[in-house]
Amino acid sequence: MKVIQLHHQEKELIQLAIESNRQAQQQIYSQFSAKMLGVCRQYIRDIHQAEDILLTAFMKVFTNLKNFQHNGSFEGWIRRIMVNECISFIRVQKKIKYIEDETYFEESFNNIESQLSMDDIQFLIDSLPDGYKMVFNLYAIEGFKHQEIASLLGISEGTSKSQLSHARKMLQVQVNKLKNYEYGTE
C-alpha cells in the first residue's frame, strides 16, 4: 500500500510541476540533481561543463514534463534526457573521434577491483578517448545495445563494438598498471 501512495505522490508532484509550481519543480530538482550530475560526469570530464549540461537538461525536463507518460520510471526518463543532452553537447564540441576498425575481438574485461575508489574508476574512464568513453558509458553504464548506440551516435554497429573492445582493453591495461603500482611492482 505504501508503494502506491508514494507513486501517487510522485504523480501529484509531477502534475504540480507541469502547472509551473516552483516548489514542486524545486523538489524534483533536489531529489534527482545529485544523481543526474553523476550521470553527466560519466560523459563530461569538466565538472563545470557537466553542471551546465545538468541545468540545461533540467530545463528540458520541466519543459517536456507534460510528455511524461507514467509508463516507466520517472528517474529513468530524466536520466535519458541527461544522456541525450551530454551526447548533444559532445557532438557540438565535435570531440568524438571514432577509430574505424573492422575487426572486433570480444575481450573479457574483469570487473574493476573493489579496492579501487569511485574516484579512481571515474579517473580511468575519464582518461579514455572521447569516442571510447561515449560507447563504453552507453554500453556498460546505460545498458544500450550496439545497434542502439550506432543509431544514436551515427556510426556503424561494427564501430560501436570496436570502440567498446578498445575501451575495455585500455581500461584493463590501466587497472593492471594501477594494481602494479599499489603492490610496488612497477
Protein backbone atom coordinates (compact mmCIF):
# COMPACT_ATOMS: atom_id res chain seq x y z
CA MET A 1 0.00 0.00 0.00
CA LYS A 2 2.88 2.39 0.73
CA VAL A 3 4.31 1.96 -2.78
CA ILE A 4 1.01 3.03 -4.32
CA GLN A 5 0.89 6.04 -2.04
CA LEU A 6 4.45 7.06 -2.98
CA HIS A 7 3.67 6.62 -6.67
CA HIS A 8 0.52 8.69 -6.21
CA GLN A 9 2.59 11.42 -4.51
CA GLU A 10 5.05 11.38 -7.41
CA LYS A 11 2.20 11.83 -9.89
CA GLU A 12 0.85 14.77 -7.87
CA LEU A 13 4.31 16.32 -7.68
CA ILE A 14 4.76 15.97 -11.45
CA GLN A 15 1.33 17.48 -12.09
CA LEU A 16 2.15 20.46 -9.85
CA ALA A 17 5.46 20.92 -11.69
CA ILE A 18 3.62 20.83 -15.04
CA GLU A 19 1.46 23.65 -13.71
CA SER A 20 4.67 25.66 -13.09
CA ASN A 21 4.59 25.25 -9.31
CA ARG A 22 8.13 26.35 -8.39
CA GLN A 23 8.17 24.40 -5.11
CA ALA A 24 7.30 21.17 -6.94
CA GLN A 25 9.97 21.86 -9.55
CA GLN A 26 12.49 22.58 -6.79
CA GLN A 27 11.56 19.33 -5.05
CA ILE A 28 12.09 17.33 -8.26
CA TYR A 29 15.40 19.08 -8.87
CA SER A 30 16.54 18.46 -5.28
CA GLN A 31 15.54 14.83 -5.43
CA PHE A 32 17.35 13.99 -8.69
CA SER A 33 20.09 16.59 -9.28
CA ALA A 34 22.92 14.85 -7.40
CA LYS A 35 22.39 11.53 -9.15
CA MET A 36 21.94 13.20 -12.55
CA LEU A 37 25.13 15.21 -12.08
CA GLY A 38 26.84 11.85 -11.68
CA VAL A 39 25.31 10.75 -14.98
CA CYS A 40 26.57 13.91 -16.69
CA ARG A 41 30.03 13.41 -15.20
CA GLN A 42 30.22 9.98 -16.80
CA TYR A 43 30.25 11.70 -20.18
CA ILE A 44 31.75 15.12 -19.47
CA ARG A 45 35.19 15.46 -17.88
CA ASP A 46 34.92 19.05 -16.70
CA ILE A 47 32.68 19.37 -13.64
CA HIS A 48 31.63 22.92 -14.55
CA GLN A 49 30.52 21.87 -18.02
CA ALA A 50 28.71 18.88 -16.50
CA GLU A 51 26.87 21.25 -14.15
CA ASP A 52 25.89 23.49 -17.08
CA ILE A 53 24.57 20.50 -19.00
CA LEU A 54 22.67 19.36 -15.91
CA LEU A 55 20.89 22.71 -15.72
CA THR A 56 20.12 22.74 -19.44
CA ALA A 57 18.80 19.19 -19.25
CA PHE A 58 16.61 20.02 -16.24
CA MET A 59 15.14 22.90 -18.24
CA LYS A 60 14.25 20.33 -20.90
CA VAL A 61 12.80 18.06 -18.21
CA PHE A 62 10.49 20.80 -16.97
CA THR A 63 9.62 21.95 -20.49
CA ASN A 64 8.70 18.41 -21.56
CA LEU A 65 7.22 17.18 -18.29
CA LYS A 66 3.75 17.11 -19.83
CA ASN A 67 5.05 14.42 -22.23
CA PHE A 68 5.98 12.01 -19.42
CA GLN A 69 3.55 9.08 -19.79
CA HIS A 70 4.00 7.44 -16.33
CA ASN A 71 4.69 4.14 -18.13
CA GLY A 72 8.20 3.72 -16.83
CA SER A 73 10.40 5.13 -14.14
CA PHE A 74 10.38 8.90 -13.78
CA GLU A 75 14.06 8.76 -12.82
CA GLY A 76 14.82 6.73 -15.95
CA TRP A 77 13.00 9.30 -18.09
CA ILE A 78 15.08 12.10 -16.56
CA ARG A 79 18.28 10.06 -16.97
CA ARG A 80 17.55 9.57 -20.68
CA ILE A 81 17.24 13.34 -21.13
CA MET A 82 20.57 13.84 -19.30
CA VAL A 83 22.38 11.30 -21.51
CA ASN A 84 20.94 12.81 -24.69
CA GLU A 85 21.94 16.29 -23.58
CA CYS A 86 25.51 15.11 -22.89
CA ILE A 87 25.71 13.48 -26.31
CA SER A 88 24.40 16.65 -27.96
CA PHE A 89 26.98 18.76 -26.11
CA ILE A 90 29.83 16.49 -27.19
CA ARG A 91 28.59 16.50 -30.79
CA VAL A 92 28.51 20.31 -30.83
CA GLN A 93 32.05 20.34 -29.45
CA LYS A 94 33.00 17.80 -32.18
CA LYS A 95 35.20 16.00 -29.67
CA ILE A 96 34.24 12.47 -30.63
CA LYS A 97 36.76 10.63 -32.75
CA TYR A 98 35.95 7.07 -33.77
CA ILE A 99 38.62 4.74 -34.97
CA GLU A 100 37.25 2.60 -37.77
CA ASP A 101 38.38 -0.94 -37.16
CA GLU A 102 36.62 -3.73 -38.97
CA THR A 103 37.97 -6.38 -36.65
CA TYR A 104 36.29 -6.86 -33.34
CA PHE A 105 37.64 -9.11 -30.64
CA GLU A 106 35.43 -9.89 -27.69
CA GLU A 107 37.78 -9.18 -24.82
CA SER A 108 36.89 -10.46 -21.43
CA PHE A 109 37.08 -7.50 -19.12
CA ASN A 110 37.19 -8.47 -15.50
CA ASN A 111 35.18 -6.34 -13.12
CA ILE A 112 37.24 -3.50 -11.80
CA GLU A 113 38.66 -4.47 -8.46
CA SER A 114 36.56 -3.46 -5.48
CA GLN A 115 39.72 -1.93 -3.97
CA LEU A 116 39.52 0.96 -6.42
CA SER A 117 37.65 4.00 -5.23
CA MET A 118 34.88 5.55 -7.28
CA ASP A 119 37.23 8.47 -7.97
CA ASP A 120 39.85 6.03 -9.35
CA ILE A 121 37.26 4.37 -11.58
CA GLN A 122 35.95 7.74 -12.82
CA PHE A 123 39.53 8.88 -13.46
CA LEU A 124 40.21 5.76 -15.53
CA ILE A 125 37.02 6.23 -17.56
CA ASP A 126 37.79 9.94 -18.00
CA SER A 127 41.22 9.04 -19.37
CA LEU A 128 39.64 7.18 -22.31
CA PRO A 129 39.49 8.94 -25.68
CA ASP A 130 36.05 10.54 -26.16
CA GLY A 131 34.75 8.01 -28.68
CA TYR A 132 35.75 5.07 -26.48
CA LYS A 133 34.32 6.75 -23.40
CA MET A 134 30.99 7.52 -25.05
CA VAL A 135 30.46 3.97 -26.32
CA PHE A 136 31.70 2.43 -23.05
CA ASN A 137 29.28 4.54 -20.98
CA LEU A 138 26.33 3.87 -23.26
CA TYR A 139 27.01 0.12 -23.30
CA ALA A 140 28.35 -0.65 -19.82
CA ILE A 141 26.62 2.01 -17.73
CA GLU A 142 23.38 2.78 -19.58
CA GLY A 143 22.79 -0.73 -20.96
CA PHE A 144 22.31 0.21 -24.60
CA LYS A 145 22.83 -2.42 -27.29
CA HIS A 146 25.34 -1.84 -30.10
CA GLN A 147 22.55 -1.29 -32.63
CA GLU A 148 21.07 1.46 -30.41
CA ILE A 149 24.48 3.05 -29.84
CA ALA A 150 25.21 3.03 -33.57
CA SER A 151 21.89 4.71 -34.31
CA LEU A 152 22.25 7.26 -31.52
CA LEU A 153 25.81 8.26 -32.45
CA GLY A 154 25.54 7.90 -36.24
CA ILE A 155 28.21 5.20 -36.51
CA SER A 156 28.19 1.60 -37.70
CA GLU A 157 27.44 -1.25 -35.33
CA GLY A 158 30.94 -2.61 -36.01
CA THR A 159 32.47 0.71 -34.97
CA SER A 160 30.48 0.61 -31.74
CA LYS A 161 31.75 -2.90 -31.00
CA SER A 162 35.29 -1.92 -31.88
CA GLN A 163 35.19 1.19 -29.67
CA LEU A 164 33.93 -0.88 -26.75
CA SER A 165 36.60 -3.51 -27.27
CA HIS A 166 39.37 -0.88 -27.37
CA ALA A 167 37.93 0.89 -24.31
CA ARG A 168 37.87 -2.36 -22.34
CA LYS A 169 41.42 -3.14 -23.36
CA MET A 170 42.64 0.33 -22.36
CA LEU A 171 40.83 0.14 -19.02
CA GLN A 172 42.29 -3.32 -18.32
CA VAL A 173 45.81 -2.03 -19.01
CA GLN A 174 45.23 0.97 -16.74
CA VAL A 175 43.77 -1.20 -13.94
CA ASN A 176 46.78 -3.53 -14.17
CA LYS A 177 49.17 -0.56 -14.03
CA LEU A 178 47.33 0.79 -11.00
CA LYS A 179 47.42 -2.59 -9.27
CA ASN A 180 51.15 -3.00 -10.04
CA TYR A 181 51.83 0.47 -8.69
CA GLU A 182 49.89 -0.28 -5.48
CA TYR A 183 51.79 -3.56 -4.97
CA GLY A 184 55.12 -1.84 -5.66
CA THR A 185 55.94 -3.97 -8.68
CA GLU A 186 56.10 -1.03 -11.06
